[in-house]
Amino acid sequence: MDTLTVSEVARESGASGSAIRFYERQGLIVASRTSGNQRRFGPDAACRVRVARVAQRIGLSVGEIRDLLGALPPEPALVDWQRLHAQLTAEAERRIAELHAALDDIRSGRRLCDL
């Protein structure tokens, strides 16, 4: 199996090296160690980081992202990534609807509080 270094995952995912190490500490990606104690990541690590970054932009917490990625099998197939895509899309749409409802409340002209 091909493995990737921190810098390779960073380059492929568009994240910084420190972000890669953060995601590893948080359990979003997993690394093995070489005899020289260098991190080595699996071939899907960059994809998992890209998913995590999008999920953060949607507003998911690190714990929610960990659960989302943790539901993937060790070697995800295309159908697994498609299911995750559908989950993220549905969550983003749900949050957008909530924000539109809040915006409607703000624009309604009703007083939000009595001072």
PDB file of N, CA and C in Angstrom:
ATOM      1  N   MET A   1       0.845  -1.180   0.000  1.00  0.00           N
ATOM      2  CA  MET A   1       0.000   0.000   0.000  1.00  0.00           C
ATOM      3  C   MET A   1       0.891   1.245   0.000  1.00  0.00           C
ATOM      4  N   ASP A   2       0.567   2.191  -0.851  1.00  0.00           N
ATOM      5  CA  ASP A   2       1.294   3.452  -0.880  1.00  0.00           C
ATOM      6  C   ASP A   2       0.877   4.294   0.322  1.00  0.00           C
ATOM      7  N   THR A   3       1.859   4.940   0.910  1.00  0.00           N
ATOM      8  CA  THR A   3       1.567   5.831   2.033  1.00  0.00           C
ATOM      9  C   THR A   3       2.023   7.230   1.671  1.00  0.00           C
ATOM     10  N   LEU A   4       1.463   8.191   2.387  1.00  0.00           N
ATOM     11  CA  LEU A   4       1.749   9.597   2.120  1.00  0.00           C
ATOM     12  C   LEU A   4       2.340  10.258   3.356  1.00  0.00           C
ATOM     13  N   THR A   5       3.233  11.193   3.138  1.00  0.00           N
ATOM     14  CA  THR A   5       3.791  11.986   4.228  1.00  0.00           C
ATOM     15  C   THR A   5       2.830  13.121   4.568  1.00  0.00           C
ATOM     16  N   VAL A   6       3.117  13.812   5.661  1.00  0.00           N
ATOM     17  CA  VAL A   6       2.319  14.978   6.049  1.00  0.00           C
ATOM     18  C   VAL A   6       2.298  15.996   4.908  1.00  0.00           C
ATOM     19  N   SER A   7       3.459  16.283   4.333  1.00  0.00           N
ATOM     20  CA  SER A   7       3.509  17.301   3.277  1.00  0.00           C
ATOM     21  C   SER A   7       2.758  16.853   2.028  1.00  0.00           C
ATOM     22  N   GLU A   8       2.766  15.568   1.726  1.00  0.00           N
ATOM     23  CA  GLU A   8       2.019  15.086   0.557  1.00  0.00           C
ATOM     24  C   GLU A   8       0.512  15.196   0.794  1.00  0.00           C
ATOM     25  N   VAL A   9       0.063  14.838   1.989  1.00  0.00           N
ATOM     26  CA  VAL A   9      -1.365  14.981   2.302  1.00  0.00           C
ATOM     27  C   VAL A   9      -1.751  16.451   2.278  1.00  0.00           C
ATOM     28  N   ALA A  10      -0.899  17.299   2.827  1.00  0.00           N
ATOM     29  CA  ALA A  10      -1.166  18.741   2.826  1.00  0.00           C
ATOM     30  C   ALA A  10      -1.296  19.259   1.403  1.00  0.00           C
ATOM     31  N   ARG A  11      -0.359  18.887   0.545  1.00  0.00           N
ATOM     32  CA  ARG A  11      -0.384  19.351  -0.842  1.00  0.00           C
ATOM     33  C   ARG A  11      -1.642  18.858  -1.567  1.00  0.00           C
ATOM     34  N   GLU A  12      -1.977  17.581  -1.394  1.00  0.00           N
ATOM     35  CA  GLU A  12      -3.133  17.013  -2.092  1.00  0.00           C
ATOM     36  C   GLU A  12      -4.468  17.529  -1.564  1.00  0.00           C
ATOM     37  N   SER A  13      -4.496  17.933  -0.295  1.00  0.00           N
ATOM     38  CA  SER A  13      -5.759  18.374   0.300  1.00  0.00           C
ATOM     39  C   SER A  13      -5.930  19.885   0.309  1.00  0.00           C
ATOM     40  N   GLY A  14      -4.828  20.611   0.110  1.00  0.00           N
ATOM     41  CA  GLY A  14      -4.893  22.063   0.173  1.00  0.00           C
ATOM     42  C   GLY A  14      -4.859  22.598   1.594  1.00  0.00           C
ATOM     43  N   ALA A  15      -4.516  21.755   2.553  1.00  0.00           N
ATOM     44  CA  ALA A  15      -4.427  22.173   3.958  1.00  0.00           C
ATOM     45  C   ALA A  15      -2.959  22.332   4.345  1.00  0.00           C
ATOM     46  N   SER A  16      -2.733  22.978   5.452  1.00  0.00           N
ATOM     47  CA  SER A  16      -1.362  23.139   5.943  1.00  0.00           C
ATOM     48  C   SER A  16      -0.915  21.870   6.670  1.00  0.00           C
ATOM     49  N   GLY A  17       0.392  21.749   6.848  1.00  0.00           N
ATOM     50  CA  GLY A  17       0.923  20.625   7.606  1.00  0.00           C
ATOM     51  C   GLY A  17       0.408  20.606   9.029  1.00  0.00           C
ATOM     52  N   SER A  18       0.290  21.783   9.634  1.00  0.00           N
ATOM     53  CA  SER A  18      -0.221  21.833  11.014  1.00  0.00           C
ATOM     54  C   SER A  18      -1.685  21.384  11.063  1.00  0.00           C
ATOM     55  N   ALA A  19      -2.454  21.684  10.027  1.00  0.00           N
ATOM     56  CA  ALA A  19      -3.848  21.220   9.971  1.00  0.00           C
ATOM     57  C   ALA A  19      -3.899  19.699   9.858  1.00  0.00           C
ATOM     58  N   ILE A  20      -2.990  19.124   9.090  1.00  0.00           N
ATOM     59  CA  ILE A  20      -2.953  17.664   8.950  1.00  0.00           C
ATOM     60  C   ILE A  20      -2.674  17.031  10.310  1.00  0.00           C
ATOM     61  N   ARG A  21      -1.720  17.567  11.027  1.00  0.00           N
ATOM     62  CA  ARG A  21      -1.395  17.035  12.352  1.00  0.00           C
ATOM     63  C   ARG A  21      -2.576  17.229  13.319  1.00  0.00           C
ATOM     64  N   PHE A  22      -3.273  18.366  13.217  1.00  0.00           N
ATOM     65  CA  PHE A  22      -4.467  18.604  14.033  1.00  0.00           C
ATOM     66  C   PHE A  22      -5.526  17.550  13.736  1.00  0.00           C
ATOM     67  N   TYR A  23      -5.803  17.321  12.455  1.00  0.00           N
ATOM     68  CA  TYR A  23      -6.814  16.326  12.085  1.00  0.00           C
ATOM     69  C   TYR A  23      -6.426  14.941  12.596  1.00  0.00           C
ATOM     70  N   GLU A  24      -5.156  14.639  12.582  1.00  0.00           N
ATOM     71  CA  GLU A  24      -4.714  13.353  13.126  1.00  0.00           C
ATOM     72  C   GLU A  24      -4.954  13.303  14.641  1.00  0.00           C
ATOM     73  N   ARG A  25      -4.577  14.349  15.358  1.00  0.00           N
ATOM     74  CA  ARG A  25      -4.787  14.388  16.815  1.00  0.00           C
ATOM     75  C   ARG A  25      -6.266  14.252  17.174  1.00  0.00           C
ATOM     76  N   GLN A  26      -7.120  14.795  16.315  1.00  0.00           N
ATOM     77  CA  GLN A  26      -8.557  14.757  16.571  1.00  0.00           C
ATOM     78  C   GLN A  26      -9.208  13.448  16.109  1.00  0.00           C
ATOM     79  N   GLY A  27      -8.430  12.575  15.497  1.00  0.00           N
ATOM     80  CA  GLY A  27      -8.949  11.278  15.070  1.00  0.00           C
ATOM     81  C   GLY A  27      -9.698  11.297  13.752  1.00  0.00           C
ATOM     82  N   LEU A  28      -9.501  12.363  12.960  1.00  0.00           N
ATOM     83  CA  LEU A  28     -10.183  12.437  11.663  1.00  0.00           C
ATOM     84  C   LEU A  28      -9.425  11.675  10.591  1.00  0.00           C
ATOM     85  N   ILE A  29      -8.126  11.581  10.748  1.00  0.00           N
ATOM     86  CA  ILE A  29      -7.285  10.763   9.880  1.00  0.00           C
ATOM     87  C   ILE A  29      -6.328   9.983  10.775  1.00  0.00           C
ATOM     88  N   VAL A  30      -5.823   8.873  10.250  1.00  0.00           N
ATOM     89  CA  VAL A  30      -4.961   7.995  11.039  1.00  0.00           C
ATOM     90  C   VAL A  30      -3.628   7.833  10.330  1.00  0.00           C
ATOM     91  N   ALA A  31      -2.562   7.894  11.105  1.00  0.00           N
ATOM     92  CA  ALA A  31      -1.219   7.716  10.555  1.00  0.00           C
ATOM     93  C   ALA A  31      -0.548   6.539  11.252  1.00  0.00           C
ATOM     94  N   SER A  32       0.290   5.880  10.497  1.00  0.00           N
ATOM     95  CA  SER A  32       1.206   4.910  11.102  1.00  0.00           C
ATOM     96  C   SER A  32       2.541   5.634  11.234  1.00  0.00           C
ATOM     97  N   ARG A  33       3.474   5.014  11.888  1.00  0.00           N
ATOM     98  CA  ARG A  33       4.789   5.636  12.080  1.00  0.00           C
ATOM     99  C   ARG A  33       5.874   4.760  11.461  1.00  0.00           C
ATOM    100  N   THR A  34       6.848   5.412  10.867  1.00  0.00           N
ATOM    101  CA  THR A  34       8.002   4.699  10.335  1.00  0.00           C
ATOM    102  C   THR A  34       8.964   4.401  11.488  1.00  0.00           C
ATOM    103  N   SER A  35      10.012   3.666  11.201  1.00  0.00           N
ATOM    104  CA  SER A  35      11.017   3.384  12.227  1.00  0.00           C
ATOM    105  C   SER A  35      11.684   4.674  12.694  1.00  0.00           C
ATOM    106  N   GLY A  36      11.675   5.701  11.861  1.00  0.00           N
ATOM    107  CA  GLY A  36      12.216   7.016  12.223  1.00  0.00           C
ATOM    108  C   GLY A  36      11.170   7.925  12.849  1.00  0.00           C
ATOM    109  N   ASN A  37       9.989   7.366  13.206  1.00  0.00           N
ATOM    110  CA  ASN A  37       8.896   8.075  13.861  1.00  0.00           C
ATOM    111  C   ASN A  37       8.231   9.133  12.975  1.00  0.00           C
ATOM    112  N   GLN A  38       8.330   8.968  11.660  1.00  0.00           N
ATOM    113  CA  GLN A  38       7.647   9.887  10.745  1.00  0.00           C
ATOM    114  C   GLN A  38       6.244   9.355  10.460  1.00  0.00           C
ATOM    115  N   ARG A  39       5.296  10.278  10.335  1.00  0.00           N
ATOM    116  CA  ARG A  39       3.914   9.896  10.044  1.00  0.00           C
ATOM    117  C   ARG A  39       3.793   9.433   8.592  1.00  0.00           C
ATOM    118  N   ARG A  40       2.951   8.411   8.407  1.00  0.00           N
ATOM    119  CA  ARG A  40       2.592   7.950   7.069  1.00  0.00           C
ATOM    120  C   ARG A  40       1.089   7.706   7.054  1.00  0.00           C
ATOM    121  N   PHE A  41       0.438   8.295   6.056  1.00  0.00           N
ATOM    122  CA  PHE A  41      -1.014   8.231   5.940  1.00  0.00           C
ATOM    123  C   PHE A  41      -1.417   7.346   4.769  1.00  0.00           C
ATOM    124  N   GLY A  42      -2.626   6.815   4.854  1.00  0.00           N
ATOM    125  CA  GLY A  42      -3.175   6.002   3.774  1.00  0.00           C
ATOM    126  C   GLY A  42      -3.523   6.854   2.573  1.00  0.00           C
ATOM    127  N   PRO A  43      -3.809   6.205   1.457  1.00  0.00           N
ATOM    128  CA  PRO A  43      -4.059   6.926   0.206  1.00  0.00           C
ATOM    129  C   PRO A  43      -5.313   7.807   0.214  1.00  0.00           C
ATOM    130  N   ASP A  44      -6.254   7.556   1.120  1.00  0.00           N
ATOM    131  CA  ASP A  44      -7.474   8.374   1.140  1.00  0.00           C
ATOM    132  C   ASP A  44      -7.414   9.511   2.162  1.00  0.00           C
ATOM    133  N   ALA A  45      -6.262   9.718   2.790  1.00  0.00           N
ATOM    134  CA  ALA A  45      -6.144  10.752   3.830  1.00  0.00           C
ATOM    135  C   ALA A  45      -6.466  12.146   3.286  1.00  0.00           C
ATOM    136  N   ALA A  46      -5.972  12.474   2.103  1.00  0.00           N
ATOM    137  CA  ALA A  46      -6.232  13.809   1.545  1.00  0.00           C
ATOM    138  C   ALA A  46      -7.724  14.007   1.283  1.00  0.00           C
ATOM    139  N   CYS A  47      -8.381  12.968   0.826  1.00  0.00           N
ATOM    140  CA  CYS A  47      -9.822  13.053   0.589  1.00  0.00           C
ATOM    141  C   CYS A  47     -10.563  13.289   1.900  1.00  0.00           C
ATOM    142  N   ARG A  48     -10.167  12.565   2.947  1.00  0.00           N
ATOM    143  CA  ARG A  48     -10.790  12.744   4.257  1.00  0.00           C
ATOM    144  C   ARG A  48     -10.572  14.168   4.774  1.00  0.00           C
ATOM    145  N   VAL A  49      -9.400  14.726   4.539  1.00  0.00           N
ATOM    146  CA  VAL A  49      -9.126  16.099   4.965  1.00  0.00           C
ATOM    147  C   VAL A  49     -10.003  17.076   4.184  1.00  0.00           C
ATOM    148  N   ARG A  50     -10.137  16.867   2.878  1.00  0.00           N
ATOM    149  CA  ARG A  50     -11.001  17.761   2.086  1.00  0.00           C
ATOM    150  C   ARG A  50     -12.442  17.689   2.576  1.00  0.00           C
ATOM    151  N   VAL A  51     -12.915  16.477   2.883  1.00  0.00           N
ATOM    152  CA  VAL A  51     -14.265  16.316   3.416  1.00  0.00           C
ATOM    153  C   VAL A  51     -14.381  17.050   4.753  1.00  0.00           C
ATOM    154  N   ALA A  52     -13.385  16.886   5.615  1.00  0.00           N
ATOM    155  CA  ALA A  52     -13.409  17.545   6.923  1.00  0.00           C
ATOM    156  C   ALA A  52     -13.459  19.060   6.774  1.00  0.00           C
ATOM    157  N   ARG A  53     -12.711  19.593   5.847  1.00  0.00           N
ATOM    158  CA  ARG A  53     -12.691  21.045   5.663  1.00  0.00           C
ATOM    159  C   ARG A  53     -14.032  21.563   5.169  1.00  0.00           C
ATOM    160  N   VAL A  54     -14.670  20.839   4.263  1.00  0.00           N
ATOM    161  CA  VAL A  54     -16.000  21.232   3.791  1.00  0.00           C
ATOM    162  C   VAL A  54     -17.003  21.126   4.941  1.00  0.00           C
ATOM    163  N   ALA A  55     -16.914  20.039   5.698  1.00  0.00           N
ATOM    164  CA  ALA A  55     -17.830  19.848   6.825  1.00  0.00           C
ATOM    165  C   ALA A  55     -17.680  20.965   7.854  1.00  0.00           C
ATOM    166  N   GLN A  56     -16.452  21.423   8.080  1.00  0.00           N
ATOM    167  CA  GLN A  56     -16.233  22.549   8.988  1.00  0.00           C
ATOM    168  C   GLN A  56     -16.908  23.805   8.446  1.00  0.00           C
ATOM    169  N   ARG A  57     -16.797  24.024   7.150  1.00  0.00           N
ATOM    170  CA  ARG A  57     -17.423  25.212   6.549  1.00  0.00           C
ATOM    171  C   ARG A  57     -18.939  25.145   6.654  1.00  0.00           C
ATOM    172  N   ILE A  58     -19.507  23.945   6.634  1.00  0.00           N
ATOM    173  CA  ILE A  58     -20.950  23.777   6.810  1.00  0.00           C
ATOM    174  C   ILE A  58     -21.336  24.121   8.243  1.00  0.00           C
ATOM    175  N   GLY A  59     -20.386  23.916   9.163  1.00  0.00           N
ATOM    176  CA  GLY A  59     -20.640  24.225  10.560  1.00  0.00           C
ATOM    177  C   GLY A  59     -20.617  23.017  11.476  1.00  0.00           C
ATOM    178  N   LEU A  60     -20.200  21.865  10.975  1.00  0.00           N
ATOM    179  CA  LEU A  60     -20.111  20.682  11.812  1.00  0.00           C
ATOM    180  C   LEU A  60     -18.951  20.815  12.785  1.00  0.00           C
ATOM    181  N   SER A  61     -19.136  20.283  13.965  1.00  0.00           N
ATOM    182  CA  SER A  61     -18.074  20.275  14.971  1.00  0.00           C
ATOM    183  C   SER A  61     -17.068  19.177  14.630  1.00  0.00           C
ATOM    184  N   VAL A  62     -15.915  19.232  15.266  1.00  0.00           N
ATOM    185  CA  VAL A  62     -14.907  18.198  15.056  1.00  0.00           C
ATOM    186  C   VAL A  62     -15.474  16.830  15.431  1.00  0.00           C
ATOM    187  N   GLY A  63     -16.232  16.769  16.519  1.00  0.00           N
ATOM    188  CA  GLY A  63     -16.841  15.501  16.929  1.00  0.00           C
ATOM    189  C   GLY A  63     -17.812  14.966  15.894  1.00  0.00           C
ATOM    190  N   GLU A  64     -18.622  15.853  15.315  1.00  0.00           N
ATOM    191  CA  GLU A  64     -19.561  15.428  14.269  1.00  0.00           C
ATOM    192  C   GLU A  64     -18.818  14.939  13.037  1.00  0.00           C
ATOM    193  N   ILE A  65     -17.741  15.618  12.693  1.00  0.00           N
ATOM    194  CA  ILE A  65     -16.933  15.199  11.535  1.00  0.00           C
ATOM    195  C   ILE A  65     -16.273  13.860  11.824  1.00  0.00           C
ATOM    196  N   ARG A  66     -15.786  13.675  13.043  1.00  0.00           N
ATOM    197  CA  ARG A  66     -15.176  12.397  13.431  1.00  0.00           C
ATOM    198  C   ARG A  66     -16.188  11.260  13.266  1.00  0.00           C
ATOM    199  N   ASP A  67     -17.422  11.491  13.713  1.00  0.00           N
ATOM    200  CA  ASP A  67     -18.468  10.473  13.581  1.00  0.00           C
ATOM    201  C   ASP A  67     -18.775  10.188  12.118  1.00  0.00           C
ATOM    202  N   LEU A  68     -18.851  11.250  11.322  1.00  0.00           N
ATOM    203  CA  LEU A  68     -19.148  11.113   9.899  1.00  0.00           C
ATOM    204  C   LEU A  68     -18.071  10.284   9.194  1.00  0.00           C
ATOM    205  N   LEU A  69     -16.811  10.643   9.419  1.00  0.00           N
ATOM    206  CA  LEU A  69     -15.710   9.914   8.793  1.00  0.00           C
ATOM    207  C   LEU A  69     -15.542   8.532   9.406  1.00  0.00           C
ATOM    208  N   GLY A  70     -15.856   8.395  10.693  1.00  0.00           N
ATOM    209  CA  GLY A  70     -15.744   7.105  11.362  1.00  0.00           C
ATOM    210  C   GLY A  70     -16.733   6.079  10.845  1.00  0.00           C
ATOM    211  N   ALA A  71     -17.809   6.542  10.227  1.00  0.00           N
ATOM    212  CA  ALA A  71     -18.800   5.619   9.668  1.00  0.00           C
ATOM    213  C   ALA A  71     -18.334   5.009   8.345  1.00  0.00           C
ATOM    214  N   LEU A  72     -17.272   5.580   7.768  1.00  0.00           N
ATOM    215  CA  LEU A  72     -16.735   5.018   6.524  1.00  0.00           C
ATOM    216  C   LEU A  72     -15.988   3.721   6.823  1.00  0.00           C
ATOM    217  N   PRO A  73     -16.045   2.758   5.909  1.00  0.00           N
ATOM    218  CA  PRO A  73     -15.243   1.549   6.090  1.00  0.00           C
ATOM    219  C   PRO A  73     -13.753   1.870   5.927  1.00  0.00           C
ATOM    220  N   PRO A  74     -12.865   0.975   6.359  1.00  0.00           N
ATOM    221  CA  PRO A  74     -11.426   1.233   6.257  1.00  0.00           C
ATOM    222  C   PRO A  74     -10.951   1.568   4.839  1.00  0.00           C
ATOM    223  N   GLU A  75     -11.542   0.946   3.853  1.00  0.00           N
ATOM    224  CA  GLU A  75     -11.204   1.249   2.460  1.00  0.00           C
ATOM    225  C   GLU A  75     -12.487   1.602   1.724  1.00  0.00           C
ATOM    226  N   PRO A  76     -12.912   2.859   1.818  1.00  0.00           N
ATOM    227  CA  PRO A  76     -14.208   3.255   1.242  1.00  0.00           C
ATOM    228  C   PRO A  76     -14.267   3.064  -0.274  1.00  0.00           C
ATOM    229  N   ALA A  77     -15.403   2.566  -0.704  1.00  0.00           N
ATOM    230  CA  ALA A  77     -15.688   2.442  -2.137  1.00  0.00           C
ATOM    231  C   ALA A  77     -16.403   3.714  -2.599  1.00  0.00           C
ATOM    232  N   LEU A  78     -16.572   3.842  -3.887  1.00  0.00           N
ATOM    233  CA  LEU A  78     -17.242   5.017  -4.444  1.00  0.00           C
ATOM    234  C   LEU A  78     -18.611   5.221  -3.813  1.00  0.00           C
ATOM    235  N   VAL A  79     -19.360   4.166  -3.627  1.00  0.00           N
ATOM    236  CA  VAL A  79     -20.699   4.284  -3.042  1.00  0.00           C
ATOM    237  C   VAL A  79     -20.644   4.851  -1.621  1.00  0.00           C
ATOM    238  N   ASP A  80     -19.600   4.544  -0.871  1.00  0.00           N
ATOM    239  CA  ASP A  80     -19.438   5.092   0.481  1.00  0.00           C
ATOM    240  C   ASP A  80     -19.219   6.600   0.436  1.00  0.00           C
ATOM    241  N   TRP A  81     -18.374   7.051  -0.486  1.00  0.00           N
ATOM    242  CA  TRP A  81     -18.120   8.490  -0.627  1.00  0.00           C
ATOM    243  C   TRP A  81     -19.376   9.193  -1.130  1.00  0.00           C
ATOM    244  N   GLN A  82     -20.147   8.531  -1.987  1.00  0.00           N
ATOM    245  CA  GLN A  82     -21.390   9.130  -2.486  1.00  0.00           C
ATOM    246  C   GLN A  82     -22.400   9.289  -1.356  1.00  0.00           C
ATOM    247  N   ARG A  83     -22.478   8.304  -0.473  1.00  0.00           N
ATOM    248  CA  ARG A  83     -23.377   8.385   0.678  1.00  0.00           C
ATOM    249  C   ARG A  83     -22.962   9.544   1.582  1.00  0.00           C
ATOM    250  N   LEU A  84     -21.674   9.689   1.820  1.00  0.00           N
ATOM    251  CA  LEU A  84     -21.172  10.785   2.639  1.00  0.00           C
ATOM    252  C   LEU A  84     -21.487  12.129   1.983  1.00  0.00           C
ATOM    253  N   HIS A  85     -21.314  12.210   0.672  1.00  0.00           N
ATOM    254  CA  HIS A  85     -21.639  13.419  -0.089  1.00  0.00           C
ATOM    255  C   HIS A  85     -23.112  13.788   0.113  1.00  0.00           C
ATOM    256  N   ALA A  86     -23.989  12.788   0.031  1.00  0.00           N
ATOM    257  CA  ALA A  86     -25.420  13.036   0.207  1.00  0.00           C
ATOM    258  C   ALA A  86     -25.723  13.520   1.626  1.00  0.00           C
ATOM    259  N   GLN A  87     -25.041  12.949   2.620  1.00  0.00           N
ATOM    260  CA  GLN A  87     -25.239  13.375   4.011  1.00  0.00           C
ATOM    261  C   GLN A  87     -24.799  14.822   4.204  1.00  0.00           C
ATOM    262  N   LEU A  88     -23.641  15.176   3.667  1.00  0.00           N
ATOM    263  CA  LEU A  88     -23.151  16.546   3.802  1.00  0.00           C
ATOM    264  C   LEU A  88     -24.070  17.533   3.084  1.00  0.00           C
ATOM    265  N   THR A  89     -24.525  17.154   1.909  1.00  0.00           N
ATOM    266  CA  THR A  89     -25.430  18.018   1.152  1.00  0.00           C
ATOM    267  C   THR A  89     -26.727  18.257   1.928  1.00  0.00           C
ATOM    268  N   ALA A  90     -27.301  17.184   2.475  1.00  0.00           N
ATOM    269  CA  ALA A  90     -28.546  17.312   3.237  1.00  0.00           C
ATOM    270  C   ALA A  90     -28.344  18.186   4.471  1.00  0.00           C
ATOM    271  N   GLU A  91     -27.220  18.006   5.158  1.00  0.00           N
ATOM    272  CA  GLU A  91     -26.944  18.813   6.352  1.00  0.00           C
ATOM    273  C   GLU A  91     -26.750  20.282   5.985  1.00  0.00           C
ATOM    274  N   ALA A  92     -26.031  20.548   4.904  1.00  0.00           N
ATOM    275  CA  ALA A  92     -25.842  21.931   4.468  1.00  0.00           C
ATOM    276  C   ALA A  92     -27.183  22.569   4.118  1.00  0.00           C
ATOM    277  N   GLU A  93     -28.037  21.842   3.416  1.00  0.00           N
ATOM    278  CA  GLU A  93     -29.349  22.380   3.045  1.00  0.00           C
ATOM    279  C   GLU A  93     -30.219  22.624   4.272  1.00  0.00           C
ATOM    280  N   ARG A  94     -30.140  21.729   5.270  1.00  0.00           N
ATOM    281  CA  ARG A  94     -30.908  21.903   6.494  1.00  0.00           C
ATOM    282  C   ARG A  94     -30.461  23.169   7.226  1.00  0.00           C
ATOM    283  N   ARG A  95     -29.144  23.367   7.314  1.00  0.00           N
ATOM    284  CA  ARG A  95     -28.616  24.544   8.011  1.00  0.00           C
ATOM    285  C   ARG A  95     -28.940  25.833   7.259  1.00  0.00           C
ATOM    286  N   ILE A  96     -28.905  25.782   5.950  1.00  0.00           N
ATOM    287  CA  ILE A  96     -29.274  26.958   5.148  1.00  0.00           C
ATOM    288  C   ILE A  96     -30.737  27.318   5.394  1.00  0.00           C
ATOM    289  N   ALA A  97     -31.618  26.311   5.457  1.00  0.00           N
ATOM    290  CA  ALA A  97     -33.040  26.567   5.724  1.00  0.00           C
ATOM    291  C   ALA A  97     -33.224  27.214   7.099  1.00  0.00           C
ATOM    292  N   GLU A  98     -32.467  26.734   8.100  1.00  0.00           N
ATOM    293  CA  GLU A  98     -32.537  27.343   9.429  1.00  0.00           C
ATOM    294  C   GLU A  98     -32.077  28.800   9.389  1.00  0.00           C
ATOM    295  N   LEU A  99     -31.007  29.071   8.654  1.00  0.00           N
ATOM    296  CA  LEU A  99     -30.515  30.438   8.549  1.00  0.00           C
ATOM    297  C   LEU A  99     -31.515  31.339   7.822  1.00  0.00           C
ATOM    298  N   HIS A 100     -32.169  30.811   6.782  1.00  0.00           N
ATOM    299  CA  HIS A 100     -33.190  31.604   6.088  1.00  0.00           C
ATOM    300  C   HIS A 100     -34.354  31.921   7.027  1.00  0.00           C
ATOM    301  N   ALA A 101     -34.732  30.955   7.861  1.00  0.00           N
ATOM    302  CA  ALA A 101     -35.812  31.190   8.821  1.00  0.00           C
ATOM    303  C   ALA A 101     -35.400  32.265   9.825  1.00  0.00           C
ATOM    304  N   ALA A 102     -34.169  32.229  10.281  1.00  0.00           N
ATOM    305  CA  ALA A 102     -33.684  33.253  11.211  1.00  0.00           C
ATOM    306  C   ALA A 102     -33.654  34.616  10.532  1.00  0.00           C
ATOM    307  N   LEU A 103     -33.215  34.649   9.292  1.00  0.00           N
ATOM    308  CA  LEU A 103     -33.183  35.906   8.545  1.00  0.00           C
ATOM    309  C   LEU A 103     -34.598  36.455   8.360  1.00  0.00           C
ATOM    310  N   ASP A 104     -35.557  35.579   8.092  1.00  0.00           N
ATOM    311  CA  ASP A 104     -36.953  36.019   7.983  1.00  0.00           C
ATOM    312  C   ASP A 104     -37.430  36.641   9.292  1.00  0.00           C
ATOM    313  N   ASP A 105     -37.032  36.043  10.416  1.00  0.00           N
ATOM    314  CA  ASP A 105     -37.401  36.612  11.725  1.00  0.00           C
ATOM    315  C   ASP A 105     -36.815  38.005  11.886  1.00  0.00           C
ATOM    316  N   ILE A 106     -35.575  38.164  11.499  1.00  0.00           N
ATOM    317  CA  ILE A 106     -34.908  39.456  11.628  1.00  0.00           C
ATOM    318  C   ILE A 106     -35.577  40.500  10.745  1.00  0.00           C
ATOM    319  N   ARG A 107     -35.923  40.114   9.545  1.00  0.00           N
ATOM    320  CA  ARG A 107     -36.512  41.050   8.577  1.00  0.00           C
ATOM    321  C   ARG A 107     -38.003  41.288   8.795  1.00  0.00           C
ATOM    322  N   SER A 108     -38.632  40.549   9.659  1.00  0.00           N
ATOM    323  CA  SER A 108     -40.089  40.606   9.830  1.00  0.00           C
ATOM    324  C   SER A 108     -40.572  41.950  10.366  1.00  0.00           C
ATOM    325  N   GLY A 109     -39.696  42.681  10.982  1.00  0.00           N
ATOM    326  CA  GLY A 109     -40.104  43.951  11.573  1.00  0.00           C
ATOM    327  C   GLY A 109     -40.586  43.799  12.998  1.00  0.00           C
ATOM    328  N   ARG A 110     -40.778  42.562  13.449  1.00  0.00           N
ATOM    329  CA  ARG A 110     -41.166  42.353  14.847  1.00  0.00           C
ATOM    330  C   ARG A 110     -39.989  42.664  15.740  1.00  0.00           C
ATOM    331  N   ARG A 111     -40.290  43.205  16.883  1.00  0.00           N
ATOM    332  CA  ARG A 111     -39.221  43.469  17.834  1.00  0.00           C
ATOM    333  C   ARG A 111     -38.719  42.138  18.367  1.00  0.00           C
ATOM    334  N   LEU A 112     -37.415  42.000  18.425  1.00  0.00           N
ATOM    335  CA  LEU A 112     -36.819  40.769  18.926  1.00  0.00           C
ATOM    336  C   LEU A 112     -36.680  40.783  20.439  1.00  0.00           C
ATOM    337  N   CYS A 113     -36.720  41.984  21.015  1.00  0.00           N
ATOM    338  CA  CYS A 113     -36.665  42.099  22.470  1.00  0.00           C
ATOM    339  C   CYS A 113     -37.234  43.444  22.880  1.00  0.00           C
ATOM    340  N   ASP A 114     -37.684  43.492  24.103  1.00  0.00           N
ATOM    341  CA  ASP A 114     -38.193  44.738  24.677  1.00  0.00           C
ATOM    342  C   ASP A 114     -37.141  45.266  25.640  1.00  0.00           C
ATOM    343  N   LEU A 115     -36.651  46.455  25.376  1.00  0.00           N
ATOM    344  CA  LEU A 115     -35.645  47.051  26.263  1.00  0.00           C
ATOM    345  C   LEU A 115     -36.229  48.214  27.015  1.00  0.00           C
TER     346      LEU A 115
END
